[in-house]
Amino acid sequence: MISPLAHVDPSAKLGKNVIIHPFAYIDQNVEIGDGCEIMPYTSIIRGTRMGCNNKVYQGTIIGADPQDFRWKGEVTYCYIGDNTVIREHVIINRGIYGTGGTSIGSNCFVMAESHIGHDTVIKDKCVVGNSVMIAGDVKVDECTILSSGSILHE
């Protein structure tokens, strides 16, 4: 189900049973797997590759341009695994280079108002608490829990 009030670029690839609510924005060069739900006022930006059965809540931006002077406008990527929940007002930046990119694993839970910087890799089964700030180039191992308000630097 795609709301007629959502914008979905014609080049975006959507899996089966994807729900896109009103006022969501799906950019070009985006892939969203089967069974995902994209809530209102969410933006999925170019270069994002989402697996299956993810739920993304209101006001989130996935695949935002990297916040790094080294990025010169190249095509870059952001990957989200399967069965991951991303709550309200989260920002996840793409990588800064054409290879690699930002990656959130499967079965993760990213709580509200968190920021995940460029080229961060978060492995499977992680919890990112409310308002966690992760700078670019950070690695978070499997089954990690980051308490609310935590700040991680490379």
N, C-alpha and C. Protein backbone atom coordinates (compact mmCIF):
# COMPACT_ATOMS: atom_id res chain seq x y z
N MET A 1 0.83 -1.17 0.00
CA MET A 1 0.00 0.00 0.00
C MET A 1 0.88 1.24 0.00
N ILE A 2 0.73 2.05 -1.02
CA ILE A 2 1.46 3.30 -1.11
C ILE A 2 0.45 4.43 -1.13
N SER A 3 0.53 5.31 -0.17
CA SER A 3 -0.39 6.44 -0.12
C SER A 3 -0.20 7.33 -1.34
N PRO A 4 -1.29 7.81 -1.91
CA PRO A 4 -1.15 8.77 -3.01
C PRO A 4 -0.56 10.10 -2.54
N LEU A 5 -0.48 10.29 -1.23
CA LEU A 5 0.12 11.52 -0.69
C LEU A 5 1.60 11.37 -0.39
N ALA A 6 2.17 10.21 -0.68
CA ALA A 6 3.61 10.00 -0.53
C ALA A 6 4.28 10.28 -1.87
N HIS A 7 5.57 10.61 -1.83
CA HIS A 7 6.36 10.73 -3.06
C HIS A 7 7.28 9.52 -3.15
N VAL A 8 7.11 8.74 -4.20
CA VAL A 8 8.00 7.61 -4.47
C VAL A 8 8.58 7.80 -5.86
N ASP A 9 9.89 7.99 -5.94
CA ASP A 9 10.54 8.16 -7.24
C ASP A 9 10.28 6.92 -8.09
N PRO A 10 9.98 7.10 -9.36
CA PRO A 10 9.69 5.95 -10.23
C PRO A 10 10.83 4.94 -10.33
N SER A 11 12.05 5.35 -10.06
CA SER A 11 13.19 4.43 -10.16
C SER A 11 13.42 3.63 -8.87
N ALA A 12 12.73 3.99 -7.78
CA ALA A 12 12.88 3.26 -6.52
C ALA A 12 12.37 1.84 -6.69
N LYS A 13 13.06 0.88 -6.06
CA LYS A 13 12.66 -0.53 -6.13
C LYS A 13 12.03 -0.92 -4.79
N LEU A 14 10.75 -1.29 -4.84
CA LEU A 14 10.02 -1.65 -3.64
C LEU A 14 9.67 -3.12 -3.69
N GLY A 15 9.87 -3.82 -2.57
CA GLY A 15 9.51 -5.22 -2.47
C GLY A 15 8.00 -5.40 -2.32
N LYS A 16 7.61 -6.61 -2.04
CA LYS A 16 6.20 -6.95 -1.85
C LYS A 16 5.72 -6.49 -0.48
N ASN A 17 4.45 -6.12 -0.43
CA ASN A 17 3.78 -5.77 0.83
C ASN A 17 4.46 -4.63 1.59
N VAL A 18 5.02 -3.68 0.86
CA VAL A 18 5.60 -2.49 1.47
C VAL A 18 4.48 -1.49 1.72
N ILE A 19 4.48 -0.88 2.90
CA ILE A 19 3.50 0.15 3.24
C ILE A 19 4.24 1.48 3.34
N ILE A 20 3.78 2.45 2.56
CA ILE A 20 4.35 3.79 2.61
C ILE A 20 3.22 4.76 2.92
N HIS A 21 3.32 5.39 4.09
CA HIS A 21 2.27 6.26 4.60
C HIS A 21 2.32 7.65 3.93
N PRO A 22 1.27 8.46 4.11
CA PRO A 22 1.24 9.80 3.53
C PRO A 22 2.45 10.63 3.95
N PHE A 23 2.89 11.44 3.03
CA PHE A 23 3.94 12.44 3.22
C PHE A 23 5.34 11.85 3.41
N ALA A 24 5.49 10.56 3.18
CA ALA A 24 6.83 9.97 3.15
C ALA A 24 7.47 10.32 1.82
N TYR A 25 8.80 10.36 1.80
CA TYR A 25 9.57 10.68 0.59
C TYR A 25 10.56 9.55 0.32
N ILE A 26 10.41 8.92 -0.83
CA ILE A 26 11.32 7.85 -1.25
C ILE A 26 12.05 8.37 -2.49
N ASP A 27 13.35 8.54 -2.38
CA ASP A 27 14.18 9.14 -3.42
C ASP A 27 14.51 8.14 -4.52
N GLN A 28 15.19 8.61 -5.54
CA GLN A 28 15.72 7.74 -6.58
C GLN A 28 16.84 6.86 -6.02
N ASN A 29 17.14 5.77 -6.70
CA ASN A 29 18.23 4.88 -6.32
C ASN A 29 18.09 4.36 -4.89
N VAL A 30 16.85 3.98 -4.54
CA VAL A 30 16.53 3.41 -3.24
C VAL A 30 15.95 2.03 -3.46
N GLU A 31 16.31 1.10 -2.56
CA GLU A 31 15.73 -0.23 -2.58
C GLU A 31 15.17 -0.54 -1.20
N ILE A 32 13.90 -0.93 -1.17
CA ILE A 32 13.22 -1.26 0.08
C ILE A 32 12.68 -2.68 -0.04
N GLY A 33 13.07 -3.55 0.87
CA GLY A 33 12.70 -4.96 0.82
C GLY A 33 11.27 -5.24 1.21
N ASP A 34 10.88 -6.48 1.06
CA ASP A 34 9.52 -6.94 1.35
C ASP A 34 9.11 -6.62 2.79
N GLY A 35 7.84 -6.26 2.94
CA GLY A 35 7.24 -6.14 4.26
C GLY A 35 7.67 -4.95 5.09
N CYS A 36 8.34 -3.97 4.49
CA CYS A 36 8.75 -2.78 5.26
C CYS A 36 7.58 -1.81 5.40
N GLU A 37 7.61 -1.03 6.47
CA GLU A 37 6.62 0.02 6.68
C GLU A 37 7.35 1.33 6.92
N ILE A 38 7.00 2.33 6.10
CA ILE A 38 7.61 3.66 6.17
C ILE A 38 6.52 4.62 6.63
N MET A 39 6.69 5.18 7.81
CA MET A 39 5.67 6.03 8.43
C MET A 39 5.71 7.45 7.83
N PRO A 40 4.68 8.29 8.14
CA PRO A 40 4.60 9.64 7.58
C PRO A 40 5.83 10.49 7.91
N TYR A 41 6.13 11.40 7.00
CA TYR A 41 7.20 12.40 7.16
C TYR A 41 8.59 11.77 7.29
N THR A 42 8.75 10.59 6.76
CA THR A 42 10.05 9.92 6.72
C THR A 42 10.65 10.12 5.34
N SER A 43 11.97 10.31 5.29
CA SER A 43 12.67 10.42 4.01
C SER A 43 13.68 9.29 3.89
N ILE A 44 13.60 8.56 2.79
CA ILE A 44 14.59 7.54 2.47
C ILE A 44 15.33 8.07 1.25
N ILE A 45 16.60 8.42 1.44
CA ILE A 45 17.36 9.16 0.43
C ILE A 45 18.20 8.21 -0.42
N ARG A 46 18.53 8.68 -1.62
CA ARG A 46 19.28 7.90 -2.62
C ARG A 46 20.45 7.16 -2.01
N GLY A 47 20.69 5.96 -2.55
CA GLY A 47 21.80 5.15 -2.06
C GLY A 47 21.44 4.28 -0.87
N THR A 48 20.18 4.30 -0.45
CA THR A 48 19.76 3.48 0.69
C THR A 48 19.29 2.12 0.19
N ARG A 49 19.74 1.08 0.88
CA ARG A 49 19.35 -0.30 0.60
C ARG A 49 18.80 -0.89 1.90
N MET A 50 17.50 -1.14 1.93
CA MET A 50 16.86 -1.69 3.13
C MET A 50 16.47 -3.13 2.88
N GLY A 51 16.70 -3.97 3.87
CA GLY A 51 16.28 -5.36 3.81
C GLY A 51 14.78 -5.47 4.02
N CYS A 52 14.34 -6.60 4.54
CA CYS A 52 12.92 -6.92 4.69
C CYS A 52 12.42 -6.68 6.12
N ASN A 53 11.14 -6.39 6.22
CA ASN A 53 10.42 -6.31 7.49
C ASN A 53 10.96 -5.27 8.45
N ASN A 54 11.40 -4.14 7.92
CA ASN A 54 11.83 -3.03 8.76
C ASN A 54 10.67 -2.08 8.97
N LYS A 55 10.67 -1.38 10.11
CA LYS A 55 9.68 -0.35 10.37
C LYS A 55 10.41 0.94 10.71
N VAL A 56 10.08 2.00 9.96
CA VAL A 56 10.74 3.30 10.13
C VAL A 56 9.68 4.32 10.52
N TYR A 57 9.89 4.96 11.67
CA TYR A 57 8.89 5.86 12.24
C TYR A 57 9.03 7.30 11.74
N GLN A 58 8.07 8.13 12.15
CA GLN A 58 7.91 9.49 11.67
C GLN A 58 9.15 10.35 11.82
N GLY A 59 9.37 11.17 10.79
CA GLY A 59 10.41 12.19 10.85
C GLY A 59 11.83 11.68 10.71
N THR A 60 12.01 10.43 10.39
CA THR A 60 13.35 9.86 10.25
C THR A 60 13.91 10.16 8.86
N ILE A 61 15.23 10.31 8.78
CA ILE A 61 15.92 10.46 7.50
C ILE A 61 16.97 9.37 7.42
N ILE A 62 16.81 8.49 6.44
CA ILE A 62 17.79 7.41 6.22
C ILE A 62 18.52 7.68 4.92
N GLY A 63 19.85 7.67 4.98
CA GLY A 63 20.65 7.91 3.79
C GLY A 63 20.91 9.38 3.54
N ALA A 64 20.87 10.19 4.58
CA ALA A 64 21.15 11.62 4.44
C ALA A 64 22.58 11.82 3.93
N ASP A 65 22.81 12.93 3.25
CA ASP A 65 24.17 13.24 2.79
C ASP A 65 25.13 13.22 3.97
N PRO A 66 26.34 12.70 3.77
CA PRO A 66 27.33 12.66 4.85
C PRO A 66 27.70 14.06 5.33
N GLN A 67 27.96 14.17 6.62
CA GLN A 67 28.38 15.44 7.21
C GLN A 67 29.90 15.39 7.41
N ASP A 68 30.62 15.45 6.30
CA ASP A 68 32.08 15.32 6.35
C ASP A 68 32.66 16.05 5.15
N PHE A 69 33.68 16.87 5.37
CA PHE A 69 34.29 17.63 4.29
C PHE A 69 34.96 16.75 3.24
N ARG A 70 35.28 15.51 3.60
CA ARG A 70 35.92 14.60 2.63
C ARG A 70 34.95 14.12 1.56
N TRP A 71 33.65 14.17 1.81
CA TRP A 71 32.66 13.74 0.82
C TRP A 71 32.54 14.82 -0.25
N LYS A 72 32.72 14.43 -1.49
CA LYS A 72 32.71 15.38 -2.61
C LYS A 72 31.54 15.14 -3.56
N GLY A 73 30.47 14.53 -3.07
CA GLY A 73 29.29 14.35 -3.89
C GLY A 73 29.21 13.01 -4.61
N GLU A 74 30.13 12.08 -4.31
CA GLU A 74 30.11 10.76 -4.94
C GLU A 74 28.82 10.03 -4.58
N VAL A 75 28.48 9.02 -5.40
CA VAL A 75 27.37 8.13 -5.08
C VAL A 75 27.83 7.25 -3.92
N THR A 76 27.12 7.29 -2.81
CA THR A 76 27.50 6.53 -1.63
C THR A 76 26.26 5.81 -1.07
N TYR A 77 26.48 4.96 -0.07
CA TYR A 77 25.41 4.04 0.33
C TYR A 77 25.17 3.99 1.84
N CYS A 78 23.95 3.54 2.15
CA CYS A 78 23.52 3.25 3.51
C CYS A 78 22.73 1.95 3.45
N TYR A 79 23.09 1.00 4.30
CA TYR A 79 22.48 -0.33 4.30
C TYR A 79 21.77 -0.59 5.63
N ILE A 80 20.56 -1.10 5.55
CA ILE A 80 19.79 -1.49 6.72
C ILE A 80 19.45 -2.96 6.53
N GLY A 81 19.70 -3.80 7.54
CA GLY A 81 19.42 -5.22 7.45
C GLY A 81 17.93 -5.52 7.50
N ASP A 82 17.57 -6.67 8.05
CA ASP A 82 16.18 -7.11 8.15
C ASP A 82 15.68 -6.96 9.59
N ASN A 83 14.37 -6.81 9.73
CA ASN A 83 13.71 -6.82 11.04
C ASN A 83 14.25 -5.76 12.00
N THR A 84 14.59 -4.61 11.47
CA THR A 84 15.13 -3.52 12.28
C THR A 84 14.05 -2.45 12.45
N VAL A 85 13.97 -1.90 13.66
CA VAL A 85 13.03 -0.83 13.97
C VAL A 85 13.84 0.45 14.16
N ILE A 86 13.42 1.49 13.47
CA ILE A 86 14.07 2.80 13.58
C ILE A 86 12.99 3.79 13.99
N ARG A 87 13.12 4.33 15.19
CA ARG A 87 12.08 5.17 15.78
C ARG A 87 12.16 6.62 15.29
N GLU A 88 11.35 7.49 15.90
CA GLU A 88 11.13 8.84 15.41
C GLU A 88 12.39 9.70 15.40
N HIS A 89 12.49 10.48 14.34
CA HIS A 89 13.49 11.55 14.20
C HIS A 89 14.94 11.07 14.25
N VAL A 90 15.18 9.87 13.79
CA VAL A 90 16.56 9.36 13.68
C VAL A 90 17.15 9.87 12.37
N ILE A 91 18.43 10.19 12.37
CA ILE A 91 19.15 10.56 11.14
C ILE A 91 20.30 9.58 10.96
N ILE A 92 20.35 8.97 9.78
CA ILE A 92 21.44 8.06 9.44
C ILE A 92 22.07 8.57 8.15
N ASN A 93 23.36 8.92 8.21
CA ASN A 93 24.08 9.42 7.04
C ASN A 93 24.65 8.29 6.20
N ARG A 94 24.73 8.50 4.89
CA ARG A 94 25.42 7.56 4.00
C ARG A 94 26.93 7.65 4.25
N GLY A 95 27.65 6.71 3.63
CA GLY A 95 29.11 6.74 3.68
C GLY A 95 29.66 7.90 2.88
N ILE A 96 30.98 8.10 2.97
CA ILE A 96 31.61 9.20 2.22
C ILE A 96 32.36 8.72 0.99
N TYR A 97 32.50 7.40 0.83
CA TYR A 97 33.22 6.85 -0.33
C TYR A 97 32.28 5.95 -1.13
N GLY A 98 32.61 5.71 -2.38
CA GLY A 98 31.79 4.90 -3.26
C GLY A 98 31.71 3.44 -2.88
N THR A 99 32.63 2.98 -2.05
CA THR A 99 32.60 1.59 -1.57
C THR A 99 32.34 1.60 -0.07
N GLY A 100 31.85 0.48 0.44
CA GLY A 100 31.52 0.42 1.87
C GLY A 100 30.26 1.20 2.13
N GLY A 101 30.26 2.01 3.16
CA GLY A 101 29.10 2.82 3.49
C GLY A 101 28.68 2.61 4.92
N THR A 102 27.60 3.25 5.29
CA THR A 102 27.02 3.11 6.62
C THR A 102 26.16 1.85 6.63
N SER A 103 26.22 1.10 7.72
CA SER A 103 25.51 -0.17 7.76
C SER A 103 24.91 -0.42 9.14
N ILE A 104 23.61 -0.69 9.16
CA ILE A 104 22.91 -1.09 10.38
C ILE A 104 22.49 -2.54 10.15
N GLY A 105 22.80 -3.42 11.07
CA GLY A 105 22.53 -4.84 10.90
C GLY A 105 21.07 -5.21 11.02
N SER A 106 20.83 -6.49 11.10
CA SER A 106 19.48 -7.04 11.26
C SER A 106 19.11 -7.13 12.73
N ASN A 107 17.80 -7.09 12.99
CA ASN A 107 17.26 -7.25 14.34
C ASN A 107 17.79 -6.20 15.31
N CYS A 108 17.96 -4.97 14.81
CA CYS A 108 18.40 -3.86 15.65
C CYS A 108 17.20 -2.99 16.03
N PHE A 109 17.39 -2.20 17.08
CA PHE A 109 16.37 -1.27 17.53
C PHE A 109 17.06 0.06 17.77
N VAL A 110 16.74 1.05 16.94
CA VAL A 110 17.34 2.38 17.04
C VAL A 110 16.26 3.32 17.57
N MET A 111 16.48 3.84 18.77
CA MET A 111 15.47 4.64 19.43
C MET A 111 15.50 6.10 18.96
N ALA A 112 14.50 6.85 19.37
CA ALA A 112 14.21 8.19 18.88
C ALA A 112 15.38 9.16 19.03
N GLU A 113 15.45 10.04 18.04
CA GLU A 113 16.34 11.20 18.03
C GLU A 113 17.82 10.85 18.07
N SER A 114 18.17 9.67 17.60
CA SER A 114 19.58 9.29 17.52
C SER A 114 20.16 9.72 16.18
N HIS A 115 21.48 9.86 16.15
CA HIS A 115 22.19 10.20 14.92
C HIS A 115 23.29 9.17 14.69
N ILE A 116 23.33 8.63 13.48
CA ILE A 116 24.36 7.65 13.11
C ILE A 116 25.13 8.22 11.94
N GLY A 117 26.39 8.57 12.18
CA GLY A 117 27.22 9.24 11.19
C GLY A 117 27.73 8.33 10.09
N HIS A 118 28.34 8.95 9.10
CA HIS A 118 28.85 8.28 7.90
C HIS A 118 29.77 7.11 8.23
N ASP A 119 29.67 6.07 7.43
CA ASP A 119 30.55 4.90 7.48
C ASP A 119 30.56 4.18 8.83
N THR A 120 29.55 4.40 9.63
CA THR A 120 29.40 3.64 10.87
C THR A 120 28.89 2.25 10.52
N VAL A 121 29.37 1.26 11.23
CA VAL A 121 28.91 -0.12 11.06
C VAL A 121 28.37 -0.58 12.41
N ILE A 122 27.08 -0.88 12.44
CA ILE A 122 26.44 -1.43 13.62
C ILE A 122 26.03 -2.85 13.26
N LYS A 123 26.56 -3.81 13.98
CA LYS A 123 26.29 -5.23 13.69
C LYS A 123 24.89 -5.62 14.14
N ASP A 124 24.54 -6.88 13.97
CA ASP A 124 23.20 -7.40 14.28
C ASP A 124 22.86 -7.33 15.77
N LYS A 125 21.56 -7.26 16.05
CA LYS A 125 20.99 -7.39 17.40
C LYS A 125 21.48 -6.31 18.37
N CYS A 126 21.61 -5.09 17.88
CA CYS A 126 22.04 -3.99 18.73
C CYS A 126 20.86 -3.10 19.10
N VAL A 127 20.98 -2.44 20.23
CA VAL A 127 20.01 -1.44 20.67
C VAL A 127 20.75 -0.12 20.80
N VAL A 128 20.21 0.89 20.11
CA VAL A 128 20.76 2.25 20.19
C VAL A 128 19.71 3.07 20.94
N GLY A 129 20.04 3.49 22.15
CA GLY A 129 19.09 4.20 23.01
C GLY A 129 18.70 5.56 22.47
N ASN A 130 17.71 6.17 23.12
CA ASN A 130 17.25 7.50 22.72
C ASN A 130 18.39 8.51 22.72
N SER A 131 18.42 9.34 21.70
CA SER A 131 19.35 10.48 21.60
C SER A 131 20.82 10.07 21.63
N VAL A 132 21.15 8.90 21.15
CA VAL A 132 22.55 8.49 21.03
C VAL A 132 23.15 9.19 19.82
N MET A 133 24.36 9.71 19.98
CA MET A 133 25.07 10.38 18.89
C MET A 133 26.30 9.55 18.53
N ILE A 134 26.36 9.10 17.27
CA ILE A 134 27.48 8.29 16.82
C ILE A 134 28.16 9.04 15.68
N ALA A 135 29.43 9.40 15.90
CA ALA A 135 30.20 10.08 14.86
C ALA A 135 30.51 9.09 13.74
N GLY A 136 31.06 9.58 12.65
CA GLY A 136 31.41 8.71 11.52
C GLY A 136 32.54 7.75 11.85
N ASP A 137 32.61 6.69 11.04
CA ASP A 137 33.69 5.69 11.13
C ASP A 137 33.72 4.94 12.46
N VAL A 138 32.58 4.69 13.05
CA VAL A 138 32.49 3.96 14.32
C VAL A 138 32.04 2.53 14.03
N LYS A 139 32.59 1.57 14.76
CA LYS A 139 32.19 0.17 14.66
C LYS A 139 31.55 -0.25 15.97
N VAL A 140 30.33 -0.83 15.89
CA VAL A 140 29.60 -1.30 17.06
C VAL A 140 29.36 -2.79 16.88
N ASP A 141 29.86 -3.60 17.81
CA ASP A 141 29.81 -5.05 17.66
C ASP A 141 28.42 -5.60 17.95
N GLU A 142 28.21 -6.86 17.57
CA GLU A 142 26.94 -7.55 17.71
C GLU A 142 26.47 -7.56 19.17
N CYS A 143 25.16 -7.43 19.35
CA CYS A 143 24.49 -7.50 20.66
C CYS A 143 24.88 -6.38 21.63
N THR A 144 25.34 -5.25 21.11
CA THR A 144 25.70 -4.11 21.95
C THR A 144 24.46 -3.30 22.30
N ILE A 145 24.41 -2.79 23.52
CA ILE A 145 23.36 -1.87 23.94
C ILE A 145 24.04 -0.54 24.28
N LEU A 146 23.64 0.52 23.57
CA LEU A 146 24.15 1.86 23.84
C LEU A 146 23.08 2.60 24.64
N SER A 147 23.40 2.98 25.86
CA SER A 147 22.43 3.66 26.73
C SER A 147 22.04 5.01 26.16
N SER A 148 20.84 5.44 26.49
CA SER A 148 20.34 6.73 26.01
C SER A 148 21.32 7.84 26.32
N GLY A 149 21.49 8.73 25.36
CA GLY A 149 22.37 9.88 25.52
C GLY A 149 23.85 9.59 25.34
N SER A 150 24.21 8.37 25.01
CA SER A 150 25.62 8.03 24.80
C SER A 150 26.17 8.76 23.57
N ILE A 151 27.48 9.03 23.61
CA ILE A 151 28.16 9.65 22.49
C ILE A 151 29.35 8.78 22.13
N LEU A 152 29.46 8.40 20.86
CA LEU A 152 30.58 7.58 20.39
C LEU A 152 31.33 8.34 19.30
N HIS A 153 32.66 8.32 19.42
CA HIS A 153 33.52 8.92 18.40
C HIS A 153 34.38 7.82 17.81
N GLU A 154 34.91 8.09 16.60
CA GLU A 154 35.78 7.10 15.98
C GLU A 154 37.03 6.87 16.80
